[in-house]
PDB file of all heavy atoms in Angstrom:
ATOM      1  N   GLY A   1     262.328  51.961 129.621  1.00  0.00           N
ATOM      2  CA  GLY A   1     261.219  52.904 129.626  1.00  0.00           C
ATOM      3  C   GLY A   1     260.450  52.870 128.322  1.00  0.00           C
ATOM      4  O   GLY A   1     259.235  53.098 128.285  1.00  0.00           O
ATOM      5  N   GLY A   2     261.143  52.591 127.217  1.00  0.00           N
ATOM      6  CA  GLY A   2     260.479  52.395 125.937  1.00  0.00           C
ATOM      7  C   GLY A   2     259.605  51.162 125.944  1.00  0.00           C
ATOM      8  O   GLY A   2     258.518  51.144 125.347  1.00  0.00           O
ATOM      9  N   HIS A   3     260.062  50.123 126.624  1.00  0.00           N
ATOM     10  CA  HIS A   3     259.240  48.919 126.784  1.00  0.00           C
ATOM     11  C   HIS A   3     257.973  49.250 127.550  1.00  0.00           C
ATOM     12  O   HIS A   3     256.863  48.815 127.189  1.00  0.00           O
ATOM     13  CB  HIS A   3     260.042  47.840 127.521  1.00  0.00           C
ATOM     14  CG  HIS A   3     259.285  46.569 127.732  1.00  0.00           C
ATOM     15  ND1 HIS A   3     258.530  46.330 128.863  1.00  0.00           N
ATOM     16  CD2 HIS A   3     259.175  45.456 126.959  1.00  0.00           C
ATOM     17  CE1 HIS A   3     257.977  45.135 128.775  1.00  0.00           C
ATOM     18  NE2 HIS A   3     258.355  44.578 127.634  1.00  0.00           N
ATOM     19  N   LEU A   4     258.105  50.046 128.612  1.00  0.00           N
ATOM     20  CA  LEU A   4     256.944  50.412 129.420  1.00  0.00           C
ATOM     21  C   LEU A   4     255.966  51.265 128.617  1.00  0.00           C
ATOM     22  O   LEU A   4     254.740  51.074 128.705  1.00  0.00           O
ATOM     23  CB  LEU A   4     257.404  51.151 130.677  1.00  0.00           C
ATOM     24  CG  LEU A   4     256.342  51.502 131.717  1.00  0.00           C
ATOM     25  CD1 LEU A   4     255.527  50.290 132.127  1.00  0.00           C
ATOM     26  CD2 LEU A   4     256.998  52.153 132.929  1.00  0.00           C
ATOM     27  N   VAL A   5     256.475  52.199 127.819  1.00  0.00           N
ATOM     28  CA  VAL A   5     255.606  53.026 126.980  1.00  0.00           C
ATOM     29  C   VAL A   5     254.928  52.171 125.901  1.00  0.00           C
ATOM     30  O   VAL A   5     253.739  52.351 125.600  1.00  0.00           O
ATOM     31  CB  VAL A   5     256.404  54.187 126.354  1.00  0.00           C
ATOM     32  CG1 VAL A   5     255.582  54.907 125.294  1.00  0.00           C
ATOM     33  CG2 VAL A   5     256.830  55.169 127.442  1.00  0.00           C
ATOM     34  N   ALA A   6     255.660  51.238 125.319  1.00  0.00           N
ATOM     35  CA  ALA A   6     255.044  50.318 124.359  1.00  0.00           C
ATOM     36  C   ALA A   6     253.984  49.463 125.042  1.00  0.00           C
ATOM     37  O   ALA A   6     252.934  49.153 124.456  1.00  0.00           O
ATOM     38  CB  ALA A   6     256.119  49.441 123.717  1.00  0.00           C
ATOM     39  N   ASN A   7     254.225  49.099 126.293  1.00  0.00           N
ATOM     40  CA  ASN A   7     253.273  48.287 127.049  1.00  0.00           C
ATOM     41  C   ASN A   7     251.944  49.020 127.243  1.00  0.00           C
ATOM     42  O   ASN A   7     250.867  48.468 127.033  1.00  0.00           O
ATOM     43  CB  ASN A   7     253.883  47.901 128.400  1.00  0.00           C
ATOM     44  CG  ASN A   7     253.162  46.762 129.095  1.00  0.00           C
ATOM     45  OD1 ASN A   7     253.486  46.416 130.225  1.00  0.00           O
ATOM     46  ND2 ASN A   7     252.169  46.170 128.456  1.00  0.00           N
ATOM     47  N   ILE A   8     251.998  50.297 127.647  1.00  0.00           N
ATOM     48  CA  ILE A   8     250.750  51.050 127.810  1.00  0.00           C
ATOM     49  C   ILE A   8     250.094  51.275 126.446  1.00  0.00           C
ATOM     50  O   ILE A   8     248.864  51.307 126.328  1.00  0.00           O
ATOM     51  CB  ILE A   8     250.984  52.394 128.541  1.00  0.00           C
ATOM     52  CG1 ILE A   8     249.659  52.979 129.048  1.00  0.00           C
ATOM     53  CG2 ILE A   8     251.679  53.405 127.659  1.00  0.00           C
ATOM     54  CD1 ILE A   8     249.066  52.272 130.214  1.00  0.00           C
ATOM     55  N   SER A   9     250.901  51.400 125.399  1.00  0.00           N
ATOM     56  CA  SER A   9     250.357  51.556 124.054  1.00  0.00           C
ATOM     57  C   SER A   9     249.551  50.333 123.633  1.00  0.00           C
ATOM     58  O   SER A   9     248.478  50.450 123.036  1.00  0.00           O
ATOM     59  CB  SER A   9     251.485  51.787 123.039  1.00  0.00           C
ATOM     60  OG  SER A   9     252.156  52.998 123.280  1.00  0.00           O
ATOM     61  N   CYS A  10     250.072  49.167 123.950  1.00  0.00           N
ATOM     62  CA  CYS A  10     249.452  47.919 123.509  1.00  0.00           C
ATOM     63  C   CYS A  10     248.375  47.406 124.458  1.00  0.00           C
ATOM     64  O   CYS A  10     247.502  46.624 124.045  1.00  0.00           O
ATOM     65  CB  CYS A  10     250.522  46.838 123.335  1.00  0.00           C
ATOM     66  SG  CYS A  10     251.718  47.191 122.024  1.00  0.00           S
ATOM     67  N   GLU A  11     248.436  47.814 125.739  1.00  0.00           N
ATOM     68  CA  GLU A  11     247.515  47.231 126.717  1.00  0.00           C
ATOM     69  C   GLU A  11     246.768  48.268 127.547  1.00  0.00           C
ATOM     70  O   GLU A  11     246.319  47.972 128.654  1.00  0.00           O
ATOM     71  CB  GLU A  11     248.284  46.272 127.631  1.00  0.00           C
ATOM     72  CG  GLU A  11     248.936  45.125 126.873  1.00  0.00           C
ATOM     73  CD  GLU A  11     249.263  43.951 127.765  1.00  0.00           C
ATOM     74  OE1 GLU A  11     250.290  44.017 128.475  1.00  0.00           O
ATOM     75  OE2 GLU A  11     248.490  42.979 127.752  1.00  0.00           O
ATOM     76  N   HIS A  12     246.580  49.466 127.020  1.00  0.00           N
ATOM     77  CA  HIS A  12     245.814  50.486 127.740  1.00  0.00           C
ATOM     78  C   HIS A  12     244.389  50.022 128.015  1.00  0.00           C
ATOM     79  O   HIS A  12     243.781  50.415 129.007  1.00  0.00           O
ATOM     80  CB  HIS A  12     245.801  51.793 126.946  1.00  0.00           C
ATOM     81  CG  HIS A  12     245.273  51.656 125.544  1.00  0.00           C
ATOM     82  ND1 HIS A  12     243.940  51.739 125.240  1.00  0.00           N
ATOM     83  CD2 HIS A  12     245.917  51.439 124.374  1.00  0.00           C
ATOM     84  CE1 HIS A  12     243.771  51.568 123.946  1.00  0.00           C
ATOM     85  NE2 HIS A  12     244.956  51.384 123.393  1.00  0.00           N
ATOM     86  N   MET A  13     243.881  49.153 127.148  1.00  0.00           N
ATOM     87  CA  MET A  13     242.508  48.669 127.324  1.00  0.00           C
ATOM     88  C   MET A  13     242.374  47.673 128.479  1.00  0.00           C
ATOM     89  O   MET A  13     241.263  47.381 128.920  1.00  0.00           O
ATOM     90  CB  MET A  13     242.001  48.046 126.022  1.00  0.00           C
ATOM     91  CG  MET A  13     242.644  46.716 125.650  1.00  0.00           C
ATOM     92  SD  MET A  13     244.420  46.799 125.227  1.00  0.00           S
ATOM     93  CE  MET A  13     244.345  47.713 123.699  1.00  0.00           C
ATOM     94  N   ARG A  14     243.488  47.179 129.019  1.00  0.00           N
ATOM     95  CA  ARG A  14     243.446  46.210 130.125  1.00  0.00           C
ATOM     96  C   ARG A  14     243.544  46.870 131.503  1.00  0.00           C
ATOM     97  O   ARG A  14     243.444  46.192 132.526  1.00  0.00           O
ATOM     98  CB  ARG A  14     244.605  45.205 130.002  1.00  0.00           C
ATOM     99  CG  ARG A  14     244.511  44.250 128.837  1.00  0.00           C
ATOM    100  CD  ARG A  14     245.573  43.167 128.970  1.00  0.00           C
ATOM    101  NE  ARG A  14     245.361  42.343 130.152  1.00  0.00           N
ATOM    102  CZ  ARG A  14     246.317  42.007 131.020  1.00  0.00           C
ATOM    103  NH1 ARG A  14     247.551  42.456 130.859  1.00  0.00           N
ATOM    104  NH2 ARG A  14     246.053  41.229 132.057  1.00  0.00           N
ATOM    105  N   ILE A  15     243.731  48.185 131.529  1.00  0.00           N
ATOM    106  CA  ILE A  15     244.014  48.837 132.813  1.00  0.00           C
ATOM    107  C   ILE A  15     242.853  48.726 133.784  1.00  0.00           C
ATOM    108  O   ILE A  15     243.055  48.500 134.984  1.00  0.00           O
ATOM    109  CB  ILE A  15     244.398  50.313 132.585  1.00  0.00           C
ATOM    110  CG1 ILE A  15     245.693  50.380 131.763  1.00  0.00           C
ATOM    111  CG2 ILE A  15     244.566  51.034 133.914  1.00  0.00           C
ATOM    112  CD1 ILE A  15     246.877  49.665 132.384  1.00  0.00           C
ATOM    113  N   GLU A  16     241.631  48.850 133.316  1.00  0.00           N
ATOM    114  CA  GLU A  16     240.488  48.709 134.229  1.00  0.00           C
ATOM    115  C   GLU A  16     240.470  47.325 134.866  1.00  0.00           C
ATOM    116  O   GLU A  16     240.209  47.180 136.069  1.00  0.00           O
ATOM    117  CB  GLU A  16     239.177  48.970 133.488  1.00  0.00           C
ATOM    118  CG  GLU A  16     237.967  48.900 134.410  1.00  0.00           C
ATOM    119  CD  GLU A  16     236.676  49.320 133.741  1.00  0.00           C
ATOM    120  OE1 GLU A  16     236.689  49.643 132.529  1.00  0.00           O
ATOM    121  OE2 GLU A  16     235.633  49.338 134.427  1.00  0.00           O
ATOM    122  N   GLU A  17     240.766  46.307 134.093  1.00  0.00           N
ATOM    123  CA  GLU A  17     240.846  44.937 134.612  1.00  0.00           C
ATOM    124  C   GLU A  17     241.937  44.811 135.670  1.00  0.00           C
ATOM    125  O   GLU A  17     241.750  44.187 136.715  1.00  0.00           O
ATOM    126  CB  GLU A  17     241.116  43.981 133.454  1.00  0.00           C
ATOM    127  CG  GLU A  17     241.451  42.558 133.846  1.00  0.00           C
ATOM    128  CD  GLU A  17     242.020  41.759 132.690  1.00  0.00           C
ATOM    129  OE1 GLU A  17     241.844  42.166 131.522  1.00  0.00           O
ATOM    130  OE2 GLU A  17     242.670  40.725 132.952  1.00  0.00           O
ATOM    131  N   LEU A  18     243.086  45.431 135.432  1.00  0.00           N
ATOM    132  CA  LEU A  18     244.226  45.310 136.340  1.00  0.00           C
ATOM    133  C   LEU A  18     244.113  46.213 137.569  1.00  0.00           C
ATOM    134  O   LEU A  18     244.551  45.849 138.657  1.00  0.00           O
ATOM    135  CB  LEU A  18     245.520  45.644 135.594  1.00  0.00           C
ATOM    136  CG  LEU A  18     245.896  44.714 134.436  1.00  0.00           C
ATOM    137  CD1 LEU A  18     247.064  45.290 133.656  1.00  0.00           C
ATOM    138  CD2 LEU A  18     246.224  43.322 134.944  1.00  0.00           C
ATOM    139  N   TYR A  19     243.516  47.394 137.384  1.00  0.00           N
ATOM    140  CA  TYR A  19     243.465  48.404 138.447  1.00  0.00           C
ATOM    141  C   TYR A  19     242.172  48.347 139.251  1.00  0.00           C
ATOM    142  O   TYR A  19     242.127  48.765 140.407  1.00  0.00           O
ATOM    143  CB  TYR A  19     243.639  49.791 137.816  1.00  0.00           C
ATOM    144  CG  TYR A  19     243.678  50.939 138.788  1.00  0.00           C
ATOM    145  CD1 TYR A  19     244.649  51.016 139.792  1.00  0.00           C
ATOM    146  CD2 TYR A  19     242.751  51.974 138.702  1.00  0.00           C
ATOM    147  CE1 TYR A  19     244.686  52.089 140.675  1.00  0.00           C
ATOM    148  CE2 TYR A  19     242.783  53.048 139.577  1.00  0.00           C
ATOM    149  CZ  TYR A  19     243.758  53.102 140.562  1.00  0.00           C
ATOM    150  OH  TYR A  19     243.782  54.170 141.431  1.00  0.00           O
ATOM    151  N   GLY A  20     241.114  47.846 138.632  1.00  0.00           N
ATOM    152  CA  GLY A  20     239.826  47.769 139.317  1.00  0.00           C
ATOM    153  C   GLY A  20     238.863  48.866 138.936  1.00  0.00           C
ATOM    154  O   GLY A  20     237.680  48.794 139.261  1.00  0.00           O
ATOM    155  N   LYS A  21     239.345  49.891 138.261  1.00  0.00           N
ATOM    156  CA  LYS A  21     238.497  50.950 137.738  1.00  0.00           C
ATOM    157  C   LYS A  21     239.227  51.598 136.564  1.00  0.00           C
ATOM    158  O   LYS A  21     240.453  51.474 136.448  1.00  0.00           O
ATOM    159  CB  LYS A  21     238.161  51.987 138.812  1.00  0.00           C
ATOM    160  CG  LYS A  21     239.346  52.603 139.509  1.00  0.00           C
ATOM    161  CD  LYS A  21     238.867  53.534 140.626  1.00  0.00           C
ATOM    162  CE  LYS A  21     240.036  54.125 141.401  1.00  0.00           C
ATOM    163  NZ  LYS A  21     239.579  55.006 142.501  1.00  0.00           N
ATOM    164  N   PRO A  22     238.494  52.295 135.707  1.00  0.00           N
ATOM    165  CA  PRO A  22     239.129  52.822 134.489  1.00  0.00           C
ATOM    166  C   PRO A  22     240.054  53.993 134.771  1.00  0.00           C
ATOM    167  O   PRO A  22     239.829  54.790 135.677  1.00  0.00           O
ATOM    168  CB  PRO A  22     237.930  53.255 133.635  1.00  0.00           C
ATOM    169  CG  PRO A  22     236.837  53.534 134.617  1.00  0.00           C
ATOM    170  CD  PRO A  22     237.039  52.562 135.740  1.00  0.00           C
ATOM    171  N   LEU A  23     241.096  54.093 133.968  1.00  0.00           N
ATOM    172  CA  LEU A  23     241.990  55.242 133.955  1.00  0.00           C
ATOM    173  C   LEU A  23     242.085  55.722 132.512  1.00  0.00           C
ATOM    174  O   LEU A  23     242.128  54.918 131.580  1.00  0.00           O
ATOM    175  CB  LEU A  23     243.381  54.877 134.484  1.00  0.00           C
ATOM    176  CG  LEU A  23     243.481  54.456 135.950  1.00  0.00           C
ATOM    177  CD1 LEU A  23     244.907  54.001 136.277  1.00  0.00           C
ATOM    178  CD2 LEU A  23     243.073  55.591 136.878  1.00  0.00           C
ATOM    179  N   ASP A  24     242.126  57.030 132.325  1.00  0.00           N
ATOM    180  CA  ASP A  24     242.198  57.614 130.990  1.00  0.00           C
ATOM    181  C   ASP A  24     243.664  57.619 130.557  1.00  0.00           C
ATOM    182  O   ASP A  24     244.390  58.590 130.771  1.00  0.00           O
ATOM    183  CB  ASP A  24     241.631  59.037 131.031  1.00  0.00           C
ATOM    184  CG  ASP A  24     241.434  59.628 129.642  1.00  0.00           C
ATOM    185  OD1 ASP A  24     241.838  58.968 128.657  1.00  0.00           O
ATOM    186  OD2 ASP A  24     240.878  60.734 129.546  1.00  0.00           O
ATOM    187  N   CYS A  25     244.111  56.544 129.949  1.00  0.00           N
ATOM    188  CA  CYS A  25     245.556  56.331 129.815  1.00  0.00           C
ATOM    189  C   CYS A  25     246.029  55.953 128.423  1.00  0.00           C
ATOM    190  O   CYS A  25     247.189  55.556 128.256  1.00  0.00           O
ATOM    191  CB  CYS A  25     246.005  55.265 130.812  1.00  0.00           C
ATOM    192  SG  CYS A  25     245.234  53.654 130.555  1.00  0.00           S
ATOM    193  N   LYS A  26     245.200  56.086 127.403  1.00  0.00           N
ATOM    194  CA  LYS A  26     245.684  55.774 126.060  1.00  0.00           C
ATOM    195  C   LYS A  26     246.507  56.944 125.533  1.00  0.00           C
ATOM    196  O   LYS A  26     246.017  58.070 125.442  1.00  0.00           O
ATOM    197  CB  LYS A  26     244.519  55.501 125.107  1.00  0.00           C
ATOM    198  CG  LYS A  26     244.988  55.139 123.701  1.00  0.00           C
ATOM    199  CD  LYS A  26     243.822  54.862 122.763  1.00  0.00           C
ATOM    200  CE  LYS A  26     244.320  54.538 121.363  1.00  0.00           C
ATOM    201  NZ  LYS A  26     243.209  54.252 120.421  1.00  0.00           N
ATOM    202  N   PRO A  27     247.761  56.732 125.173  1.00  0.00           N
ATOM    203  CA  PRO A  27     248.575  57.823 124.623  1.00  0.00           C
ATOM    204  C   PRO A  27     248.023  58.324 123.291  1.00  0.00           C
ATOM    205  O   PRO A  27     247.453  57.551 122.513  1.00  0.00           O
ATOM    206  CB  PRO A  27     249.953  57.180 124.424  1.00  0.00           C
ATOM    207  CG  PRO A  27     249.940  55.932 125.267  1.00  0.00           C
ATOM    208  CD  PRO A  27     248.525  55.471 125.278  1.00  0.00           C
ATOM    209  N   THR A  28     248.205  59.600 123.048  1.00  0.00           N
ATOM    210  CA  THR A  28     247.851  60.152 121.739  1.00  0.00           C
ATOM    211  C   THR A  28     248.791  59.594 120.672  1.00  0.00           C
ATOM    212  O   THR A  28     248.369  59.206 119.581  1.00  0.00           O
ATOM    213  CB  THR A  28     247.933  61.684 121.767  1.00  0.00           C
ATOM    214  OG1 THR A  28     247.078  62.164 122.807  1.00  0.00           O
ATOM    215  CG2 THR A  28     247.504  62.281 120.439  1.00  0.00           C
ATOM    216  N   ALA A  29     250.052  59.553 120.983  1.00  0.00           N
ATOM    217  CA  ALA A  29     251.105  58.920 120.188  1.00  0.00           C
ATOM    218  C   ALA A  29     252.309  58.803 121.119  1.00  0.00           C
ATOM    219  O   ALA A  29     252.330  59.403 122.192  1.00  0.00           O
ATOM    220  CB  ALA A  29     251.445  59.716 118.935  1.00  0.00           C
ATOM    221  N   VAL A  30     253.315  58.031 120.717  1.00  0.00           N
ATOM    222  CA  VAL A  30     254.457  57.806 121.600  1.00  0.00           C
ATOM    223  C   VAL A  30     255.771  57.927 120.842  1.00  0.00           C
ATOM    224  O   VAL A  30     255.815  57.801 119.609  1.00  0.00           O
ATOM    225  CB  VAL A  30     254.394  56.409 122.279  1.00  0.00           C
ATOM    226  CG1 VAL A  30     253.128  56.275 123.109  1.00  0.00           C
ATOM    227  CG2 VAL A  30     254.495  55.286 121.249  1.00  0.00           C
ATOM    228  N   GLY A  31     256.830  58.167 121.604  1.00  0.00           N
ATOM    229  CA  GLY A  31     258.184  58.116 121.084  1.00  0.00           C
ATOM    230  C   GLY A  31     258.941  57.006 121.787  1.00  0.00           C
ATOM    231  O   GLY A  31     258.940  56.933 123.020  1.00  0.00           O
ATOM    232  N   LEU A  32     259.560  56.131 121.031  1.00  0.00           N
ATOM    233  CA  LEU A  32     260.293  54.994 121.582  1.00  0.00           C
ATOM    234  C   LEU A  32     261.760  55.138 121.203  1.00  0.00           C
ATOM    235  O   LEU A  32     262.129  55.038 120.032  1.00  0.00           O
ATOM    236  CB  LEU A  32     259.733  53.677 121.052  1.00  0.00           C
ATOM    237  CG  LEU A  32     258.234  53.440 121.296  1.00  0.00           C
ATOM    238  CD1 LEU A  32     257.800  52.103 120.695  1.00  0.00           C
ATOM    239  CD2 LEU A  32     257.893  53.494 122.777  1.00  0.00           C
ATOM    240  N   SER A  33     262.590  55.383 122.206  1.00  0.00           N
ATOM    241  CA  SER A  33     264.014  55.616 121.994  1.00  0.00           C
ATOM    242  C   SER A  33     264.803  54.369 122.366  1.00  0.00           C
ATOM    243  O   SER A  33     264.762  53.928 123.513  1.00  0.00           O
ATOM    244  CB  SER A  33     264.473  56.799 122.852  1.00  0.00           C
ATOM    245  OG  SER A  33     263.735  57.965 122.545  1.00  0.00           O
ATOM    246  N   TYR A  34     265.497  53.812 121.390  1.00  0.00           N
ATOM    247  CA  TYR A  34     266.215  52.534 121.546  1.00  0.00           C
ATOM    248  C   TYR A  34     265.474  51.598 122.515  1.00  0.00           C
ATOM    249  O   TYR A  34     266.016  51.135 123.517  1.00  0.00           O
ATOM    250  CB  TYR A  34     267.677  52.743 121.966  1.00  0.00           C
ATOM    251  CG  TYR A  34     267.950  53.858 122.973  1.00  0.00           C
ATOM    252  CD1 TYR A  34     267.893  53.635 124.348  1.00  0.00           C
ATOM    253  CD2 TYR A  34     268.296  55.134 122.539  1.00  0.00           C
ATOM    254  CE1 TYR A  34     268.163  54.637 125.259  1.00  0.00           C
ATOM    255  CE2 TYR A  34     268.565  56.150 123.447  1.00  0.00           C
ATOM    256  CZ  TYR A  34     268.493  55.884 124.807  1.00  0.00           C
ATOM    257  OH  TYR A  34     268.768  56.893 125.727  1.00  0.00           O
ATOM    258  N   PRO A  35     264.204  51.267 122.172  1.00  0.00           N
ATOM    259  CA  PRO A  35     263.340  50.556 123.125  1.00  0.00           C
ATOM    260  C   PRO A  35     263.649  49.063 123.235  1.00  0.00           C
ATOM    261  O   PRO A  35     264.080  48.425 122.273  1.00  0.00           O
ATOM    262  CB  PRO A  35     261.948  50.758 122.521  1.00  0.00           C
ATOM    263  CG  PRO A  35     262.212  50.798 121.041  1.00  0.00           C
ATOM    264  CD  PRO A  35     263.512  51.557 120.902  1.00  0.00           C
ATOM    265  N   VAL A  36     263.424  48.524 124.423  1.00  0.00           N
ATOM    266  CA  VAL A  36     263.370  47.075 124.615  1.00  0.00           C
ATOM    267  C   VAL A  36     261.979  46.635 124.156  1.00  0.00           C
ATOM    268  O   VAL A  36     260.969  47.150 124.649  1.00  0.00           O
ATOM    269  CB  VAL A  36     263.590  46.701 126.092  1.00  0.00           C
ATOM    270  CG1 VAL A  36     263.395  45.195 126.296  1.00  0.00           C
ATOM    271  CG2 VAL A  36     264.977  47.132 126.556  1.00  0.00           C
ATOM    272  N   ILE A  37     261.915  45.684 123.234  1.00  0.00           N
ATOM    273  CA  ILE A  37     260.630  45.263 122.680  1.00  0.00           C
ATOM    274  C   ILE A  37     260.345  43.788 122.913  1.00  0.00           C
ATOM    275  O   ILE A  37     259.218  43.410 123.233  1.00  0.00           O
ATOM    276  CB  ILE A  37     260.566  45.580 121.164  1.00  0.00           C
ATOM    277  CG1 ILE A  37     260.575  47.088 120.940  1.00  0.00           C
ATOM    278  CG2 ILE A  37     259.343  44.945 120.508  1.00  0.00           C
ATOM    279  CD1 ILE A  37     259.387  47.834 121.545  1.00  0.00           C
ATOM    280  N   TYR A  38     261.369  42.939 122.801  1.00  0.00           N
ATOM    281  CA  TYR A  38     261.117  41.507 122.976  1.00  0.00           C
ATOM    282  C   TYR A  38     262.186  40.919 123.894  1.00  0.00           C
ATOM    283  O   TYR A  38     263.242  41.509 124.120  1.00  0.00           O
ATOM    284  CB  TYR A  38     261.070  40.785 121.627  1.00  0.00           C
ATOM    285  CG  TYR A  38     262.378  40.698 120.883  1.00  0.00           C
ATOM    286  CD1 TYR A  38     263.012  39.476 120.691  1.00  0.00           C
ATOM    287  CD2 TYR A  38     262.966  41.845 120.342  1.00  0.00           C
ATOM    288  CE1 TYR A  38     264.204  39.385 119.994  1.00  0.00           C
ATOM    289  CE2 TYR A  38     264.158  41.762 119.635  1.00  0.00           C
ATOM    290  CZ  TYR A  38     264.767  40.539 119.463  1.00  0.00           C
ATOM    291  OH  TYR A  38     265.948  40.458 118.776  1.00  0.00           O
ATOM    292  N   ASN A  39     261.878  39.756 124.463  1.00  0.00           N
ATOM    293  CA  ASN A  39     262.698  39.228 125.559  1.00  0.00           C
ATOM    294  C   ASN A  39     264.146  38.942 125.160  1.00  0.00           C
ATOM    295  O   ASN A  39     265.064  39.250 125.918  1.00  0.00           O
ATOM    296  CB  ASN A  39     262.047  37.981 126.177  1.00  0.00           C
ATOM    297  CG  ASN A  39     261.614  36.946 125.156  1.00  0.00           C
ATOM    298  OD1 ASN A  39     262.009  37.000 123.989  1.00  0.00           O
ATOM    299  ND2 ASN A  39     260.781  36.007 125.584  1.00  0.00           N
ATOM    300  N   VAL A  40     264.387  38.396 123.978  1.00  0.00           N
ATOM    301  CA  VAL A  40     265.763  38.147 123.560  1.00  0.00           C
ATOM    302  C   VAL A  40     266.470  39.480 123.283  1.00  0.00           C
ATOM    303  O   VAL A  40     267.692  39.578 123.369  1.00  0.00           O
ATOM    304  CB  VAL A  40     265.796  37.225 122.324  1.00  0.00           C
ATOM    305  CG1 VAL A  40     267.225  36.971 121.861  1.00  0.00           C
ATOM    306  CG2 VAL A  40     265.110  35.896 122.649  1.00  0.00           C
ATOM    307  N   GLY A  41     265.684  40.533 123.006  1.00  0.00           N
ATOM    308  CA  GLY A  41     266.257  41.836 122.718  1.00  0.00           C
ATOM    309  C   GLY A  41     266.992  42.450 123.894  1.00  0.00           C
ATOM    310  O   GLY A  41     267.922  43.223 123.710  1.00  0.00           O
ATOM    311  N   HIS A  42     266.553  42.153 125.117  1.00  0.00           N
ATOM    312  CA  HIS A  42     267.293  42.545 126.320  1.00  0.00           C
ATOM    313  C   HIS A  42     266.697  41.788 127.499  1.00  0.00           C
ATOM    314  O   HIS A  42     265.837  42.305 128.220  1.00  0.00           O
ATOM    315  CB  HIS A  42     267.239  44.052 126.565  1.00  0.00           C
ATOM    316  CG  HIS A  42     268.215  44.491 127.622  1.00  0.00           C
ATOM    317  ND1 HIS A  42     267.827  44.883 128.881  1.00  0.00           N
ATOM    318  CD2 HIS A  42     269.576  44.558 127.601  1.00  0.00           C
ATOM    319  CE1 HIS A  42     268.901  45.203 129.601  1.00  0.00           C
ATOM    320  NE2 HIS A  42     269.975  45.004 128.838  1.00  0.00           N
TER     321      HIS A  42
END
């Protein structure tokens, strides 16, 4: 879930491209608890 939250943090600007219309989805700030960040990491 930390990976997913980091994903929206880093790629919120791509959502219109992926979804077909804009969504107001940039987090104000996030908390990442023992997050998965890179592929070798988990």
